[in-house]
Amino acid sequence: MASVKIINKSNNDLPHYSTEHSSGMDLRANNLEPIVLQTLERVMVPTGLYLELPAGFEAQIRPRSGLAAKHGITVLNTPGTIDADYRGEIKIILVNLSNEPFTINPGERICQMVITEYTKVTLVEVDELEESARGEGGFGHTGVH
């Protein structure tokens, strides 16, 4: 398990894994007053958290399924990416896709953060690509079974 340095300037506990096999940690809003998010409105919500990720790691910000299913609240740029060299506060862009205003209360769980290792590649420009069984099929080309 990798270690990640974190500064917590929020009024909330540190993020943590809720269950033994959770891949993401819930992040909480660090707002002093409730934020009312109107229909189709977006807002950048502070978390009060700052990370120092190891080289070769990134943090992905993903929606919470309960907020999306029950209230139409999602992360606008999902997944949001936090690079290993970013040192600013983690802020979450939330959007309200429902027909009702939604209130983000102080300390509310607003998203998940998944920290993962990645590989950098070298792009090699060529004139053609090898054939594959799939070919150019995409966007539902396999149909419904």
N, C-alpha and C. Protein backbone atom coordinates (compact mmCIF):
# COMPACT_ATOMS: atom_id res chain seq x y z
N MET A 1 0.84 -1.18 0.00
CA MET A 1 0.00 0.00 0.00
C MET A 1 0.89 1.24 0.00
N ALA A 2 0.62 2.15 -0.91
CA ALA A 2 1.39 3.39 -1.01
C ALA A 2 0.92 4.39 0.05
N SER A 3 1.80 5.27 0.45
CA SER A 3 1.47 6.33 1.39
C SER A 3 1.31 7.63 0.61
N VAL A 4 0.34 8.44 1.03
CA VAL A 4 0.08 9.73 0.40
C VAL A 4 0.04 10.78 1.51
N LYS A 5 0.83 11.83 1.33
CA LYS A 5 0.82 12.93 2.29
C LYS A 5 -0.41 13.80 2.04
N ILE A 6 -1.04 14.24 3.15
CA ILE A 6 -2.26 15.05 3.04
C ILE A 6 -2.25 16.13 4.12
N ILE A 7 -2.69 17.31 3.74
CA ILE A 7 -2.95 18.39 4.70
C ILE A 7 -4.46 18.55 4.75
N ASN A 8 -5.00 18.58 5.96
CA ASN A 8 -6.44 18.71 6.15
C ASN A 8 -6.72 20.05 6.84
N LYS A 9 -7.18 21.03 6.05
CA LYS A 9 -7.55 22.34 6.60
C LYS A 9 -9.06 22.46 6.76
N SER A 10 -9.76 21.33 6.63
CA SER A 10 -11.21 21.33 6.73
C SER A 10 -11.65 21.10 8.17
N ASN A 11 -12.95 21.16 8.38
CA ASN A 11 -13.54 20.84 9.67
C ASN A 11 -13.94 19.37 9.74
N ASN A 12 -13.55 18.58 8.74
CA ASN A 12 -13.95 17.18 8.62
C ASN A 12 -12.79 16.25 8.95
N ASP A 13 -13.12 15.01 9.27
CA ASP A 13 -12.10 13.98 9.45
C ASP A 13 -11.42 13.70 8.12
N LEU A 14 -10.26 13.05 8.16
CA LEU A 14 -9.59 12.64 6.93
C LEU A 14 -10.47 11.66 6.16
N PRO A 15 -10.42 11.70 4.83
CA PRO A 15 -11.12 10.69 4.04
C PRO A 15 -10.60 9.29 4.40
N HIS A 16 -11.45 8.31 4.27
CA HIS A 16 -11.05 6.94 4.58
C HIS A 16 -11.90 5.98 3.75
N TYR A 17 -11.45 4.73 3.67
CA TYR A 17 -12.21 3.69 2.98
C TYR A 17 -13.31 3.21 3.91
N SER A 18 -14.54 3.17 3.42
CA SER A 18 -15.69 2.79 4.25
C SER A 18 -15.78 1.30 4.51
N THR A 19 -15.32 0.49 3.54
CA THR A 19 -15.36 -0.96 3.71
C THR A 19 -14.01 -1.54 3.31
N GLU A 20 -13.81 -2.79 3.61
CA GLU A 20 -12.54 -3.46 3.33
C GLU A 20 -12.16 -3.41 1.85
N HIS A 21 -13.13 -3.50 0.96
CA HIS A 21 -12.83 -3.57 -0.47
C HIS A 21 -13.24 -2.31 -1.24
N SER A 22 -13.48 -1.22 -0.54
CA SER A 22 -13.79 0.05 -1.22
C SER A 22 -12.58 0.51 -2.01
N SER A 23 -12.81 1.00 -3.23
CA SER A 23 -11.71 1.55 -4.02
C SER A 23 -11.62 3.06 -3.86
N GLY A 24 -12.71 3.68 -3.43
CA GLY A 24 -12.74 5.12 -3.28
C GLY A 24 -13.01 5.55 -1.86
N MET A 25 -12.58 6.76 -1.56
CA MET A 25 -12.82 7.39 -0.26
C MET A 25 -13.77 8.57 -0.50
N ASP A 26 -14.79 8.71 0.33
CA ASP A 26 -15.69 9.84 0.20
C ASP A 26 -14.99 11.12 0.64
N LEU A 27 -15.16 12.19 -0.15
CA LEU A 27 -14.69 13.51 0.22
C LEU A 27 -15.89 14.33 0.67
N ARG A 28 -15.66 15.20 1.63
CA ARG A 28 -16.73 16.01 2.20
C ARG A 28 -16.56 17.49 1.85
N ALA A 29 -17.69 18.17 1.75
CA ALA A 29 -17.69 19.61 1.48
C ALA A 29 -17.11 20.35 2.69
N ASN A 30 -16.32 21.36 2.41
CA ASN A 30 -15.76 22.21 3.46
C ASN A 30 -16.32 23.62 3.31
N ASN A 31 -17.64 23.71 3.43
CA ASN A 31 -18.32 25.00 3.35
C ASN A 31 -18.83 25.37 4.73
N LEU A 32 -18.79 26.67 5.06
CA LEU A 32 -19.27 27.12 6.37
C LEU A 32 -20.78 27.25 6.40
N GLU A 33 -21.37 27.60 5.28
CA GLU A 33 -22.81 27.77 5.15
C GLU A 33 -23.33 26.81 4.08
N PRO A 34 -24.60 26.42 4.15
CA PRO A 34 -25.17 25.58 3.09
C PRO A 34 -25.06 26.26 1.73
N ILE A 35 -24.82 25.46 0.70
CA ILE A 35 -24.77 25.95 -0.68
C ILE A 35 -26.00 25.37 -1.40
N VAL A 36 -26.86 26.25 -1.93
CA VAL A 36 -28.03 25.78 -2.68
C VAL A 36 -27.65 25.73 -4.15
N LEU A 37 -27.71 24.53 -4.69
CA LEU A 37 -27.36 24.30 -6.10
C LEU A 37 -28.67 24.20 -6.89
N GLN A 38 -28.91 25.20 -7.71
CA GLN A 38 -30.14 25.24 -8.50
C GLN A 38 -30.07 24.26 -9.68
N THR A 39 -31.20 24.00 -10.29
CA THR A 39 -31.28 23.13 -11.46
C THR A 39 -30.32 23.62 -12.54
N LEU A 40 -29.52 22.70 -13.08
CA LEU A 40 -28.53 22.94 -14.14
C LEU A 40 -27.43 23.91 -13.73
N GLU A 41 -27.34 24.23 -12.46
CA GLU A 41 -26.27 25.09 -11.97
C GLU A 41 -25.07 24.23 -11.57
N ARG A 42 -23.88 24.79 -11.70
CA ARG A 42 -22.67 24.11 -11.26
C ARG A 42 -21.96 25.00 -10.25
N VAL A 43 -21.22 24.34 -9.36
CA VAL A 43 -20.50 25.08 -8.33
C VAL A 43 -19.21 24.33 -8.00
N MET A 44 -18.18 25.07 -7.67
CA MET A 44 -16.92 24.47 -7.25
C MET A 44 -16.92 24.44 -5.72
N VAL A 45 -16.93 23.21 -5.18
CA VAL A 45 -17.06 23.03 -3.73
C VAL A 45 -15.68 22.75 -3.13
N PRO A 46 -15.25 23.55 -2.15
CA PRO A 46 -13.96 23.29 -1.52
C PRO A 46 -14.02 22.07 -0.61
N THR A 47 -12.88 21.39 -0.47
CA THR A 47 -12.78 20.26 0.46
C THR A 47 -11.85 20.55 1.62
N GLY A 48 -10.98 21.55 1.49
CA GLY A 48 -9.99 21.83 2.53
C GLY A 48 -8.85 20.83 2.55
N LEU A 49 -8.75 20.00 1.51
CA LEU A 49 -7.72 18.96 1.45
C LEU A 49 -6.66 19.30 0.40
N TYR A 50 -5.41 18.95 0.73
CA TYR A 50 -4.27 19.17 -0.15
C TYR A 50 -3.46 17.87 -0.15
N LEU A 51 -3.08 17.38 -1.33
CA LEU A 51 -2.37 16.10 -1.44
C LEU A 51 -0.97 16.28 -1.98
N GLU A 52 -0.11 15.36 -1.61
CA GLU A 52 1.19 15.17 -2.27
C GLU A 52 1.23 13.71 -2.71
N LEU A 53 0.83 13.50 -3.95
CA LEU A 53 0.80 12.14 -4.49
C LEU A 53 2.20 11.72 -4.92
N PRO A 54 2.54 10.45 -4.75
CA PRO A 54 3.83 9.97 -5.25
C PRO A 54 3.87 10.04 -6.78
N ALA A 55 5.06 10.19 -7.35
CA ALA A 55 5.21 10.16 -8.80
C ALA A 55 4.64 8.85 -9.32
N GLY A 56 3.92 8.91 -10.44
CA GLY A 56 3.32 7.72 -11.02
C GLY A 56 1.92 7.42 -10.50
N PHE A 57 1.39 8.32 -9.65
CA PHE A 57 0.04 8.14 -9.12
C PHE A 57 -0.82 9.35 -9.51
N GLU A 58 -2.11 9.13 -9.56
CA GLU A 58 -3.08 10.20 -9.77
C GLU A 58 -4.26 9.95 -8.83
N ALA A 59 -5.03 10.98 -8.56
CA ALA A 59 -6.29 10.84 -7.84
C ALA A 59 -7.40 11.17 -8.82
N GLN A 60 -8.40 10.30 -8.88
CA GLN A 60 -9.57 10.53 -9.73
C GLN A 60 -10.74 10.90 -8.83
N ILE A 61 -11.48 11.92 -9.24
CA ILE A 61 -12.67 12.36 -8.52
C ILE A 61 -13.88 11.87 -9.30
N ARG A 62 -14.71 11.10 -8.61
CA ARG A 62 -15.87 10.46 -9.23
C ARG A 62 -17.14 10.81 -8.46
N PRO A 63 -18.29 10.74 -9.14
CA PRO A 63 -19.55 11.00 -8.44
C PRO A 63 -19.85 9.94 -7.39
N ARG A 64 -20.68 10.28 -6.43
CA ARG A 64 -21.24 9.32 -5.48
C ARG A 64 -22.55 8.82 -6.09
N SER A 65 -22.69 7.52 -6.19
CA SER A 65 -23.86 6.96 -6.87
C SER A 65 -25.16 7.35 -6.19
N GLY A 66 -25.18 7.43 -4.87
CA GLY A 66 -26.41 7.82 -4.16
C GLY A 66 -26.85 9.23 -4.50
N LEU A 67 -25.92 10.18 -4.55
CA LEU A 67 -26.28 11.56 -4.91
C LEU A 67 -26.78 11.63 -6.35
N ALA A 68 -26.16 10.87 -7.23
CA ALA A 68 -26.57 10.88 -8.64
C ALA A 68 -27.96 10.27 -8.81
N ALA A 69 -28.18 9.09 -8.21
CA ALA A 69 -29.45 8.38 -8.39
C ALA A 69 -30.61 9.07 -7.69
N LYS A 70 -30.39 9.54 -6.48
CA LYS A 70 -31.48 10.12 -5.69
C LYS A 70 -31.73 11.60 -5.97
N HIS A 71 -30.66 12.34 -6.32
CA HIS A 71 -30.80 13.79 -6.42
C HIS A 71 -30.31 14.40 -7.74
N GLY A 72 -29.73 13.60 -8.64
CA GLY A 72 -29.24 14.14 -9.91
C GLY A 72 -27.99 14.99 -9.76
N ILE A 73 -27.24 14.80 -8.68
CA ILE A 73 -26.02 15.57 -8.43
C ILE A 73 -24.83 14.73 -8.88
N THR A 74 -23.98 15.31 -9.72
CA THR A 74 -22.83 14.57 -10.23
C THR A 74 -21.62 15.48 -10.35
N VAL A 75 -20.47 14.88 -10.55
CA VAL A 75 -19.23 15.61 -10.79
C VAL A 75 -19.20 15.96 -12.27
N LEU A 76 -19.06 17.23 -12.58
CA LEU A 76 -19.21 17.69 -13.96
C LEU A 76 -18.12 17.15 -14.88
N ASN A 77 -16.88 17.12 -14.46
CA ASN A 77 -15.78 16.68 -15.31
C ASN A 77 -15.33 15.28 -14.92
N THR A 78 -16.28 14.39 -14.74
CA THR A 78 -15.96 13.07 -14.22
C THR A 78 -15.25 12.19 -15.23
N PRO A 79 -14.20 11.47 -14.88
CA PRO A 79 -13.55 11.68 -13.59
C PRO A 79 -12.61 12.87 -13.64
N GLY A 80 -12.64 13.65 -12.60
CA GLY A 80 -11.67 14.73 -12.46
C GLY A 80 -10.32 14.12 -12.12
N THR A 81 -9.26 14.71 -12.62
CA THR A 81 -7.92 14.17 -12.40
C THR A 81 -7.09 15.13 -11.56
N ILE A 82 -6.46 14.59 -10.52
CA ILE A 82 -5.51 15.35 -9.72
C ILE A 82 -4.14 14.75 -9.99
N ASP A 83 -3.26 15.53 -10.58
CA ASP A 83 -1.92 15.06 -10.94
C ASP A 83 -0.99 15.08 -9.74
N ALA A 84 0.06 14.28 -9.81
CA ALA A 84 1.02 14.15 -8.71
C ALA A 84 1.74 15.45 -8.39
N ASP A 85 1.83 16.37 -9.33
CA ASP A 85 2.54 17.62 -9.06
C ASP A 85 1.62 18.77 -8.66
N TYR A 86 0.32 18.52 -8.51
CA TYR A 86 -0.63 19.55 -8.07
C TYR A 86 -0.60 19.64 -6.54
N ARG A 87 -0.50 20.86 -6.01
CA ARG A 87 -0.43 21.05 -4.57
C ARG A 87 -1.53 21.96 -4.03
N GLY A 88 -2.45 22.39 -4.89
CA GLY A 88 -3.53 23.26 -4.43
C GLY A 88 -4.64 22.49 -3.75
N GLU A 89 -5.61 23.24 -3.26
CA GLU A 89 -6.76 22.63 -2.60
C GLU A 89 -7.58 21.81 -3.61
N ILE A 90 -8.04 20.67 -3.18
CA ILE A 90 -8.94 19.87 -4.01
C ILE A 90 -10.31 20.51 -3.95
N LYS A 91 -10.82 20.90 -5.11
CA LYS A 91 -12.16 21.46 -5.23
C LYS A 91 -12.94 20.60 -6.21
N ILE A 92 -14.21 20.44 -5.95
CA ILE A 92 -15.05 19.52 -6.71
C ILE A 92 -16.09 20.32 -7.49
N ILE A 93 -16.16 20.09 -8.81
CA ILE A 93 -17.16 20.76 -9.64
C ILE A 93 -18.41 19.88 -9.65
N LEU A 94 -19.44 20.32 -8.93
CA LEU A 94 -20.70 19.60 -8.89
C LEU A 94 -21.72 20.30 -9.78
N VAL A 95 -22.61 19.50 -10.38
CA VAL A 95 -23.69 20.04 -11.20
C VAL A 95 -24.99 19.36 -10.77
N ASN A 96 -26.06 20.12 -10.81
CA ASN A 96 -27.39 19.63 -10.46
C ASN A 96 -28.15 19.35 -11.75
N LEU A 97 -28.33 18.08 -12.08
CA LEU A 97 -29.05 17.69 -13.30
C LEU A 97 -30.51 17.35 -13.03
N SER A 98 -30.98 17.65 -11.83
CA SER A 98 -32.37 17.35 -11.49
C SER A 98 -33.27 18.56 -11.75
N ASN A 99 -34.55 18.39 -11.46
CA ASN A 99 -35.51 19.48 -11.61
C ASN A 99 -35.76 20.21 -10.29
N GLU A 100 -34.99 19.88 -9.25
CA GLU A 100 -35.17 20.46 -7.92
C GLU A 100 -33.86 21.06 -7.42
N PRO A 101 -33.90 22.17 -6.70
CA PRO A 101 -32.69 22.67 -6.05
C PRO A 101 -32.16 21.63 -5.06
N PHE A 102 -30.86 21.64 -4.84
CA PHE A 102 -30.24 20.71 -3.90
C PHE A 102 -29.33 21.50 -2.98
N THR A 103 -29.41 21.22 -1.69
CA THR A 103 -28.59 21.92 -0.70
C THR A 103 -27.41 21.06 -0.30
N ILE A 104 -26.20 21.63 -0.44
CA ILE A 104 -24.97 20.99 0.00
C ILE A 104 -24.66 21.54 1.39
N ASN A 105 -24.88 20.70 2.38
CA ASN A 105 -24.65 21.12 3.77
C ASN A 105 -23.17 20.98 4.13
N PRO A 106 -22.69 21.78 5.09
CA PRO A 106 -21.30 21.63 5.53
C PRO A 106 -21.02 20.19 5.96
N GLY A 107 -19.90 19.66 5.49
CA GLY A 107 -19.49 18.31 5.85
C GLY A 107 -20.16 17.20 5.06
N GLU A 108 -21.02 17.54 4.10
CA GLU A 108 -21.72 16.52 3.33
C GLU A 108 -20.76 15.77 2.41
N ARG A 109 -20.96 14.46 2.28
CA ARG A 109 -20.16 13.66 1.35
C ARG A 109 -20.59 14.00 -0.07
N ILE A 110 -19.64 14.48 -0.89
CA ILE A 110 -20.01 15.02 -2.20
C ILE A 110 -19.43 14.24 -3.37
N CYS A 111 -18.42 13.41 -3.15
CA CYS A 111 -17.80 12.67 -4.25
C CYS A 111 -16.92 11.58 -3.67
N GLN A 112 -16.35 10.78 -4.57
CA GLN A 112 -15.37 9.77 -4.19
C GLN A 112 -14.02 10.13 -4.79
N MET A 113 -12.97 9.77 -4.10
CA MET A 113 -11.61 9.94 -4.62
C MET A 113 -10.96 8.55 -4.69
N VAL A 114 -10.50 8.20 -5.89
CA VAL A 114 -9.78 6.95 -6.12
C VAL A 114 -8.35 7.30 -6.48
N ILE A 115 -7.40 6.77 -5.73
CA ILE A 115 -5.99 7.01 -6.02
C ILE A 115 -5.44 5.77 -6.71
N THR A 116 -4.82 5.98 -7.86
CA THR A 116 -4.37 4.85 -8.66
C THR A 116 -3.03 5.14 -9.32
N GLU A 117 -2.32 4.08 -9.62
CA GLU A 117 -1.05 4.17 -10.32
C GLU A 117 -1.32 4.21 -11.82
N TYR A 118 -0.48 4.89 -12.56
CA TYR A 118 -0.65 4.93 -14.01
C TYR A 118 0.69 4.73 -14.70
N THR A 119 0.64 4.48 -15.99
CA THR A 119 1.83 4.29 -16.80
C THR A 119 1.86 5.36 -17.89
N LYS A 120 3.00 5.99 -18.06
CA LYS A 120 3.18 6.91 -19.18
C LYS A 120 3.65 6.12 -20.40
N VAL A 121 3.28 6.57 -21.57
CA VAL A 121 3.63 5.88 -22.80
C VAL A 121 4.32 6.86 -23.75
N THR A 122 4.97 6.31 -24.74
CA THR A 122 5.53 7.09 -25.84
C THR A 122 4.66 6.83 -27.05
N LEU A 123 4.12 7.88 -27.66
CA LEU A 123 3.33 7.72 -28.87
C LEU A 123 4.26 7.56 -30.05
N VAL A 124 3.99 6.57 -30.88
CA VAL A 124 4.79 6.29 -32.07
C VAL A 124 3.89 6.47 -33.28
N GLU A 125 4.18 7.49 -34.09
CA GLU A 125 3.35 7.75 -35.26
C GLU A 125 3.67 6.74 -36.35
N VAL A 126 2.60 6.13 -36.91
CA VAL A 126 2.73 5.13 -37.97
C VAL A 126 1.74 5.45 -39.08
N ASP A 127 1.87 4.75 -40.20
CA ASP A 127 0.95 4.97 -41.32
C ASP A 127 -0.27 4.07 -41.26
N GLU A 128 -0.17 2.93 -40.57
CA GLU A 128 -1.32 2.04 -40.44
C GLU A 128 -1.22 1.25 -39.15
N LEU A 129 -2.37 0.73 -38.72
CA LEU A 129 -2.45 -0.05 -37.49
C LEU A 129 -2.73 -1.51 -37.83
N GLU A 130 -2.30 -2.41 -36.95
CA GLU A 130 -2.59 -3.83 -37.15
C GLU A 130 -4.09 -4.07 -37.09
N GLU A 131 -4.57 -5.05 -37.84
CA GLU A 131 -5.97 -5.42 -37.82
C GLU A 131 -6.31 -6.08 -36.49
N SER A 132 -7.57 -5.99 -36.08
CA SER A 132 -8.05 -6.68 -34.89
C SER A 132 -9.44 -7.25 -35.19
N ALA A 133 -9.90 -8.15 -34.36
CA ALA A 133 -11.22 -8.74 -34.56
C ALA A 133 -12.31 -7.67 -34.47
N ARG A 134 -12.12 -6.69 -33.64
CA ARG A 134 -13.11 -5.63 -33.46
C ARG A 134 -13.07 -4.61 -34.58
N GLY A 135 -11.88 -4.30 -35.04
CA GLY A 135 -11.75 -3.30 -36.09
C GLY A 135 -12.20 -1.93 -35.63
N GLU A 136 -13.04 -1.28 -36.42
CA GLU A 136 -13.50 0.08 -36.11
C GLU A 136 -14.83 0.09 -35.37
N GLY A 137 -15.32 -1.07 -34.96
CA GLY A 137 -16.62 -1.13 -34.28
C GLY A 137 -16.57 -0.43 -32.93
N GLY A 138 -17.55 0.40 -32.67
CA GLY A 138 -17.64 1.13 -31.41
C GLY A 138 -19.03 1.68 -31.22
N PHE A 139 -19.27 2.30 -30.12
CA PHE A 139 -20.53 2.97 -29.83
C PHE A 139 -21.72 2.05 -30.03
N GLY A 140 -21.70 0.90 -29.36
CA GLY A 140 -22.84 -0.01 -29.39
C GLY A 140 -22.85 -0.97 -30.56
N HIS A 141 -21.70 -1.17 -31.19
CA HIS A 141 -21.66 -2.01 -32.39
C HIS A 141 -21.98 -3.48 -32.12
N THR A 142 -21.88 -3.91 -30.86
CA THR A 142 -22.15 -5.32 -30.56
C THR A 142 -23.63 -5.59 -30.36
N GLY A 143 -24.46 -4.53 -30.32
CA GLY A 143 -25.89 -4.72 -30.18
C GLY A 143 -26.31 -5.07 -28.77
N VAL A 144 -27.59 -5.38 -28.62
CA VAL A 144 -28.17 -5.74 -27.33
C VAL A 144 -28.41 -7.24 -27.32
N HIS A 145 -27.99 -7.91 -26.24
CA HIS A 145 -28.17 -9.36 -26.16
C HIS A 145 -29.27 -9.71 -25.21
